[in-house]
Structure formats: structure tokens, C-alpha cells
PDB file of N, CA and C in Angstrom:
ATOM      1  N   UNK A   1       6.833   8.577  -0.281  1.00  0.00           N
ATOM      2  CA  UNK A   1       5.718   9.493  -0.188  1.00  0.00           C
ATOM      3  C   UNK A   1       6.114  10.586   0.792  1.00  0.00           C
ATOM      4  N   UNK A   2       5.846  11.824   0.412  1.00  0.00           N
ATOM      5  CA  UNK A   2       6.191  12.916   1.308  1.00  0.00           C
ATOM      6  C   UNK A   2       5.221  12.952   2.478  1.00  0.00           C
ATOM      7  N   UNK A   3       5.645  13.552   3.551  1.00  0.00           N
ATOM      8  CA  UNK A   3       4.793  13.664   4.739  1.00  0.00           C
ATOM      9  C   UNK A   3       3.529  14.455   4.431  1.00  0.00           C
ATOM     10  N   UNK A   4       3.634  15.506   3.599  1.00  0.00           N
ATOM     11  CA  UNK A   4       2.462  16.320   3.268  1.00  0.00           C
ATOM     12  C   UNK A   4       1.405  15.487   2.544  1.00  0.00           C
ATOM     13  N   UNK A   5       1.832  14.647   1.598  1.00  0.00           N
ATOM     14  CA  UNK A   5       0.892  13.790   0.873  1.00  0.00           C
ATOM     15  C   UNK A   5       0.291  12.773   1.827  1.00  0.00           C
ATOM     16  N   UNK A   6       1.124  12.172   2.650  1.00  0.00           N
ATOM     17  CA  UNK A   6       0.638  11.201   3.631  1.00  0.00           C
ATOM     18  C   UNK A   6      -0.401  11.842   4.552  1.00  0.00           C
ATOM     19  N   UNK A   7      -0.103  13.017   5.063  1.00  0.00           N
ATOM     20  CA  UNK A   7      -1.034  13.705   5.960  1.00  0.00           C
ATOM     21  C   UNK A   7      -2.350  14.041   5.255  1.00  0.00           C
ATOM     22  N   UNK A   8      -2.265  14.490   4.005  1.00  0.00           N
ATOM     23  CA  UNK A   8      -3.480  14.824   3.257  1.00  0.00           C
ATOM     24  C   UNK A   8      -4.335  13.584   3.029  1.00  0.00           C
ATOM     25  N   UNK A   9      -3.719  12.484   2.665  1.00  0.00           N
ATOM     26  CA  UNK A   9      -4.478  11.255   2.447  1.00  0.00           C
ATOM     27  C   UNK A   9      -5.096  10.748   3.743  1.00  0.00           C
ATOM     28  N   UNK A  10      -4.354  10.828   4.812  1.00  0.00           N
ATOM     29  CA  UNK A  10      -4.851  10.345   6.096  1.00  0.00           C
ATOM     30  C   UNK A  10      -6.013  11.198   6.593  1.00  0.00           C
ATOM     31  N   UNK A  11      -6.054  12.448   6.183  1.00  0.00           N
ATOM     32  CA  UNK A  11      -7.104  13.359   6.628  1.00  0.00           C
ATOM     33  C   UNK A  11      -8.372  13.221   5.810  1.00  0.00           C
ATOM     34  N   UNK A  12      -8.257  13.054   4.495  1.00  0.00           N
ATOM     35  CA  UNK A  12      -9.418  13.155   3.624  1.00  0.00           C
ATOM     36  C   UNK A  12      -9.728  11.906   2.800  1.00  0.00           C
ATOM     37  N   UNK A  13      -9.029  10.830   3.003  1.00  0.00           N
ATOM     38  CA  UNK A  13      -9.260   9.659   2.163  1.00  0.00           C
ATOM     39  C   UNK A  13      -9.081   8.375   2.965  1.00  0.00           C
ATOM     40  N   UNK A  14      -9.564   7.305   2.382  1.00  0.00           N
ATOM     41  CA  UNK A  14      -9.321   5.984   2.945  1.00  0.00           C
ATOM     42  C   UNK A  14      -8.271   5.330   2.071  1.00  0.00           C
ATOM     43  N   UNK A  15      -7.179   4.961   2.653  1.00  0.00           N
ATOM     44  CA  UNK A  15      -6.108   4.341   1.874  1.00  0.00           C
ATOM     45  C   UNK A  15      -5.296   3.420   2.757  1.00  0.00           C
ATOM     46  N   UNK A  16      -4.544   2.561   2.105  1.00  0.00           N
ATOM     47  CA  UNK A  16      -3.621   1.686   2.799  1.00  0.00           C
ATOM     48  C   UNK A  16      -2.224   2.004   2.297  1.00  0.00           C
ATOM     49  N   UNK A  17      -1.337   2.253   3.197  1.00  0.00           N
ATOM     50  CA  UNK A  17       0.053   2.519   2.835  1.00  0.00           C
ATOM     51  C   UNK A  17       0.767   1.183   2.725  1.00  0.00           C
ATOM     52  N   UNK A  18       1.293   0.897   1.558  1.00  0.00           N
ATOM     53  CA  UNK A  18       1.969  -0.373   1.291  1.00  0.00           C
ATOM     54  C   UNK A  18       3.343  -0.044   0.741  1.00  0.00           C
ATOM     55  N   UNK A  19       4.381  -0.398   1.466  1.00  0.00           N
ATOM     56  CA  UNK A  19       5.729  -0.023   1.065  1.00  0.00           C
ATOM     57  C   UNK A  19       6.551  -1.232   0.654  1.00  0.00           C
ATOM     58  N   UNK A  20       7.278  -1.060  -0.430  1.00  0.00           N
ATOM     59  CA  UNK A  20       8.254  -2.032  -0.914  1.00  0.00           C
ATOM     60  C   UNK A  20       9.510  -1.237  -1.284  1.00  0.00           C
ATOM     61  N   UNK A  21      10.295  -0.816  -0.302  1.00  0.00           N
ATOM     62  CA  UNK A  21      11.427   0.080  -0.561  1.00  0.00           C
ATOM     63  C   UNK A  21      12.438  -0.467  -1.570  1.00  0.00           C
ATOM     64  N   UNK A  22      12.643  -1.754  -1.598  1.00  0.00           N
ATOM     65  CA  UNK A  22      13.638  -2.321  -2.506  1.00  0.00           C
ATOM     66  C   UNK A  22      13.115  -2.459  -3.936  1.00  0.00           C
ATOM     67  N   UNK A  23      11.818  -2.261  -4.149  1.00  0.00           N
ATOM     68  CA  UNK A  23      11.234  -2.472  -5.470  1.00  0.00           C
ATOM     69  C   UNK A  23      11.569  -1.359  -6.458  1.00  0.00           C
ATOM     70  N   UNK A  24      11.830  -0.182  -5.972  1.00  0.00           N
ATOM     71  CA  UNK A  24      12.098   0.924  -6.883  1.00  0.00           C
ATOM     72  C   UNK A  24      10.876   1.276  -7.699  1.00  0.00           C
ATOM     73  N   UNK A  25      11.098   1.749  -8.925  1.00  0.00           N
ATOM     74  CA  UNK A  25       9.990   2.193  -9.783  1.00  0.00           C
ATOM     75  C   UNK A  25       9.534   1.119 -10.759  1.00  0.00           C
ATOM     76  N   UNK A  26      10.128  -0.039 -10.713  1.00  0.00           N
ATOM     77  CA  UNK A  26       9.746  -1.130 -11.610  1.00  0.00           C
ATOM     78  C   UNK A  26       8.964  -2.175 -10.842  1.00  0.00           C
ATOM     79  N   UNK A  27       7.814  -1.759 -10.370  1.00  0.00           N
ATOM     80  CA  UNK A  27       6.999  -2.599  -9.499  1.00  0.00           C
ATOM     81  C   UNK A  27       6.556  -3.886 -10.186  1.00  0.00           C
ATOM     82  N   UNK A  28       6.184  -3.808 -11.446  1.00  0.00           N
ATOM     83  CA  UNK A  28       5.771  -5.005 -12.177  1.00  0.00           C
ATOM     84  C   UNK A  28       6.864  -6.051 -12.229  1.00  0.00           C
ATOM     85  N   UNK A  29       8.087  -5.612 -12.496  1.00  0.00           N
ATOM     86  CA  UNK A  29       9.217  -6.542 -12.523  1.00  0.00           C
ATOM     87  C   UNK A  29       9.499  -7.098 -11.134  1.00  0.00           C
ATOM     88  N   UNK A  30       9.368  -6.271 -10.123  1.00  0.00           N
ATOM     89  CA  UNK A  30       9.574  -6.709  -8.744  1.00  0.00           C
ATOM     90  C   UNK A  30       8.584  -7.819  -8.390  1.00  0.00           C
ATOM     91  N   UNK A  31       7.324  -7.603  -8.704  1.00  0.00           N
ATOM     92  CA  UNK A  31       6.301  -8.600  -8.387  1.00  0.00           C
ATOM     93  C   UNK A  31       6.519  -9.905  -9.144  1.00  0.00           C
ATOM     94  N   UNK A  32       7.118  -9.841 -10.319  1.00  0.00           N
ATOM     95  CA  UNK A  32       7.413 -11.055 -11.071  1.00  0.00           C
ATOM     96  C   UNK A  32       8.315 -11.992 -10.273  1.00  0.00           C
ATOM     97  N   UNK A  33       9.263 -11.431  -9.571  1.00  0.00           N
ATOM     98  CA  UNK A  33      10.253 -12.224  -8.841  1.00  0.00           C
ATOM     99  C   UNK A  33       9.980 -12.339  -7.352  1.00  0.00           C
ATOM    100  N   UNK A  34       8.939 -11.695  -6.858  1.00  0.00           N
ATOM    101  CA  UNK A  34       8.651 -11.678  -5.418  1.00  0.00           C
ATOM    102  C   UNK A  34       7.171 -11.999  -5.186  1.00  0.00           C
ATOM    103  N   UNK A  35       6.848 -13.262  -5.292  1.00  0.00           N
ATOM    104  CA  UNK A  35       5.453 -13.715  -5.201  1.00  0.00           C
ATOM    105  C   UNK A  35       4.804 -13.364  -3.865  1.00  0.00           C
ATOM    106  N   UNK A  36       5.537 -13.449  -2.771  1.00  0.00           N
ATOM    107  CA  UNK A  36       4.952 -13.135  -1.462  1.00  0.00           C
ATOM    108  C   UNK A  36       4.545 -11.664  -1.379  1.00  0.00           C
ATOM    109  N   UNK A  37       5.392 -10.777  -1.890  1.00  0.00           N
ATOM    110  CA  UNK A  37       5.049  -9.349  -1.908  1.00  0.00           C
ATOM    111  C   UNK A  37       3.865  -9.088  -2.831  1.00  0.00           C
ATOM    112  N   UNK A  38       3.829  -9.755  -3.980  1.00  0.00           N
ATOM    113  CA  UNK A  38       2.705  -9.613  -4.912  1.00  0.00           C
ATOM    114  C   UNK A  38       1.399 -10.042  -4.247  1.00  0.00           C
ATOM    115  N   UNK A  39       1.447 -11.164  -3.549  1.00  0.00           N
ATOM    116  CA  UNK A  39       0.261 -11.682  -2.860  1.00  0.00           C
ATOM    117  C   UNK A  39      -0.196 -10.706  -1.776  1.00  0.00           C
ATOM    118  N   UNK A  40       0.735 -10.164  -1.018  1.00  0.00           N
ATOM    119  CA  UNK A  40       0.394  -9.216   0.042  1.00  0.00           C
ATOM    120  C   UNK A  40      -0.237  -7.946  -0.542  1.00  0.00           C
ATOM    121  N   UNK A  41       0.276  -7.492  -1.681  1.00  0.00           N
ATOM    122  CA  UNK A  41      -0.275  -6.309  -2.329  1.00  0.00           C
ATOM    123  C   UNK A  41      -1.710  -6.561  -2.796  1.00  0.00           C
ATOM    124  N   UNK A  42      -1.930  -7.674  -3.464  1.00  0.00           N
ATOM    125  CA  UNK A  42      -3.276  -8.004  -3.953  1.00  0.00           C
ATOM    126  C   UNK A  42      -4.239  -8.162  -2.784  1.00  0.00           C
ATOM    127  N   UNK A  43      -3.801  -8.793  -1.729  1.00  0.00           N
ATOM    128  CA  UNK A  43      -4.646  -8.958  -0.544  1.00  0.00           C
ATOM    129  C   UNK A  43      -5.031  -7.590   0.031  1.00  0.00           C
ATOM    130  N   UNK A  44      -4.061  -6.672   0.110  1.00  0.00           N
ATOM    131  CA  UNK A  44      -4.340  -5.333   0.640  1.00  0.00           C
ATOM    132  C   UNK A  44      -5.318  -4.576  -0.252  1.00  0.00           C
ATOM    133  N   UNK A  45      -5.166  -4.699  -1.562  1.00  0.00           N
ATOM    134  CA  UNK A  45      -6.055  -3.993  -2.493  1.00  0.00           C
ATOM    135  C   UNK A  45      -7.481  -4.532  -2.415  1.00  0.00           C
ATOM    136  N   UNK A  46      -7.615  -5.834  -2.273  1.00  0.00           N
ATOM    137  CA  UNK A  46      -8.938  -6.444  -2.288  1.00  0.00           C
ATOM    138  C   UNK A  46      -9.640  -6.482  -0.930  1.00  0.00           C
ATOM    139  N   UNK A  47      -8.922  -6.190   0.145  1.00  0.00           N
ATOM    140  CA  UNK A  47      -9.508  -6.252   1.487  1.00  0.00           C
ATOM    141  C   UNK A  47     -10.508  -5.124   1.700  1.00  0.00           C
ATOM    142  N   UNK A  48     -11.648  -5.474   2.244  1.00  0.00           N
ATOM    143  CA  UNK A  48     -12.661  -4.481   2.592  1.00  0.00           C
ATOM    144  C   UNK A  48     -12.258  -3.796   3.894  1.00  0.00           C
ATOM    145  N   UNK A  49     -12.787  -2.603   4.170  1.00  0.00           N
ATOM    146  CA  UNK A  49     -12.436  -1.907   5.403  1.00  0.00           C
ATOM    147  C   UNK A  49     -12.646  -2.754   6.659  1.00  0.00           C
ATOM    148  N   UNK A  50     -13.703  -3.551   6.692  1.00  0.00           N
ATOM    149  CA  UNK A  50     -13.949  -4.368   7.885  1.00  0.00           C
ATOM    150  C   UNK A  50     -13.054  -5.600   7.943  1.00  0.00           C
ATOM    151  N   UNK A  51     -12.237  -5.816   6.901  1.00  0.00           N
ATOM    152  CA  UNK A  51     -11.286  -6.914   6.896  1.00  0.00           C
ATOM    153  C   UNK A  51      -9.857  -6.425   7.103  1.00  0.00           C
ATOM    154  N   UNK A  52      -9.715  -5.199   7.551  1.00  0.00           N
ATOM    155  CA  UNK A  52      -8.396  -4.641   7.810  1.00  0.00           C
ATOM    156  C   UNK A  52      -7.778  -3.919   6.630  1.00  0.00           C
ATOM    157  N   UNK A  53      -8.557  -3.674   5.576  1.00  0.00           N
ATOM    158  CA  UNK A  53      -8.032  -2.975   4.410  1.00  0.00           C
ATOM    159  C   UNK A  53      -8.421  -1.510   4.391  1.00  0.00           C
ATOM    160  N   UNK A  54      -7.771  -0.767   3.563  1.00  0.00           N
ATOM    161  CA  UNK A  54      -8.066   0.628   3.294  1.00  0.00           C
ATOM    162  C   UNK A  54      -8.189   1.482   4.540  1.00  0.00           C
ATOM    163  N   UNK A  55      -7.144   1.515   5.323  1.00  0.00           N
ATOM    164  CA  UNK A  55      -7.128   2.341   6.524  1.00  0.00           C
ATOM    165  C   UNK A  55      -6.574   3.724   6.203  1.00  0.00           C
ATOM    166  N   UNK A  56      -6.848   4.669   7.048  1.00  0.00           N
ATOM    167  CA  UNK A  56      -6.307   6.020   6.880  1.00  0.00           C
ATOM    168  C   UNK A  56      -5.725   6.517   8.183  1.00  0.00           C
ATOM    169  N   UNK A  57      -5.152   5.625   8.946  1.00  0.00           N
ATOM    170  CA  UNK A  57      -4.558   6.040  10.205  1.00  0.00           C
ATOM    171  C   UNK A  57      -3.089   6.322  10.001  1.00  0.00           C
ATOM    172  N   UNK A  58      -2.601   7.461  10.498  1.00  0.00           N
ATOM    173  CA  UNK A  58      -1.191   7.809  10.369  1.00  0.00           C
ATOM    174  C   UNK A  58      -0.316   6.792  11.095  1.00  0.00           C
ATOM    175  N   UNK A  59       0.933   6.699  10.640  1.00  0.00           N
ATOM    176  CA  UNK A  59       1.899   5.796  11.288  1.00  0.00           C
ATOM    177  C   UNK A  59       2.156   6.211  12.715  1.00  0.00           C
TER     178      UNK A  59
END
């Protein structure tokens, strides 16, 4: 993600930055073989703001 996109999201939206650098563009295939990463992603997506999800704070 470019810094400009990151800055725009952090300013005007609620989001969680979730990185899997080794996954490349085939995220579905990556999750097939990496259950822990899949679980962490689902947990982040389903977490409510008061549960530590969907933050918009810059790194």
C-alpha cells in the first residue's frame, strides 16, 4: 500500500492494516496453506472497534 493511500485511509476511514508480505496476490491459496494467518485475518475482519478491530491509527 502506498503511503498516500495509507494516509488517506487513516484520515477519513476506519480500517485495519493487515499485512502478509509473503502471500503475494494469491491470498486465497496462501490462506489454504496457512491456517494461523487465515484465522488472524478472519478475527481482524470480525472484531468490533471496541475489541481492537478496525483502527485508523498510522504506524
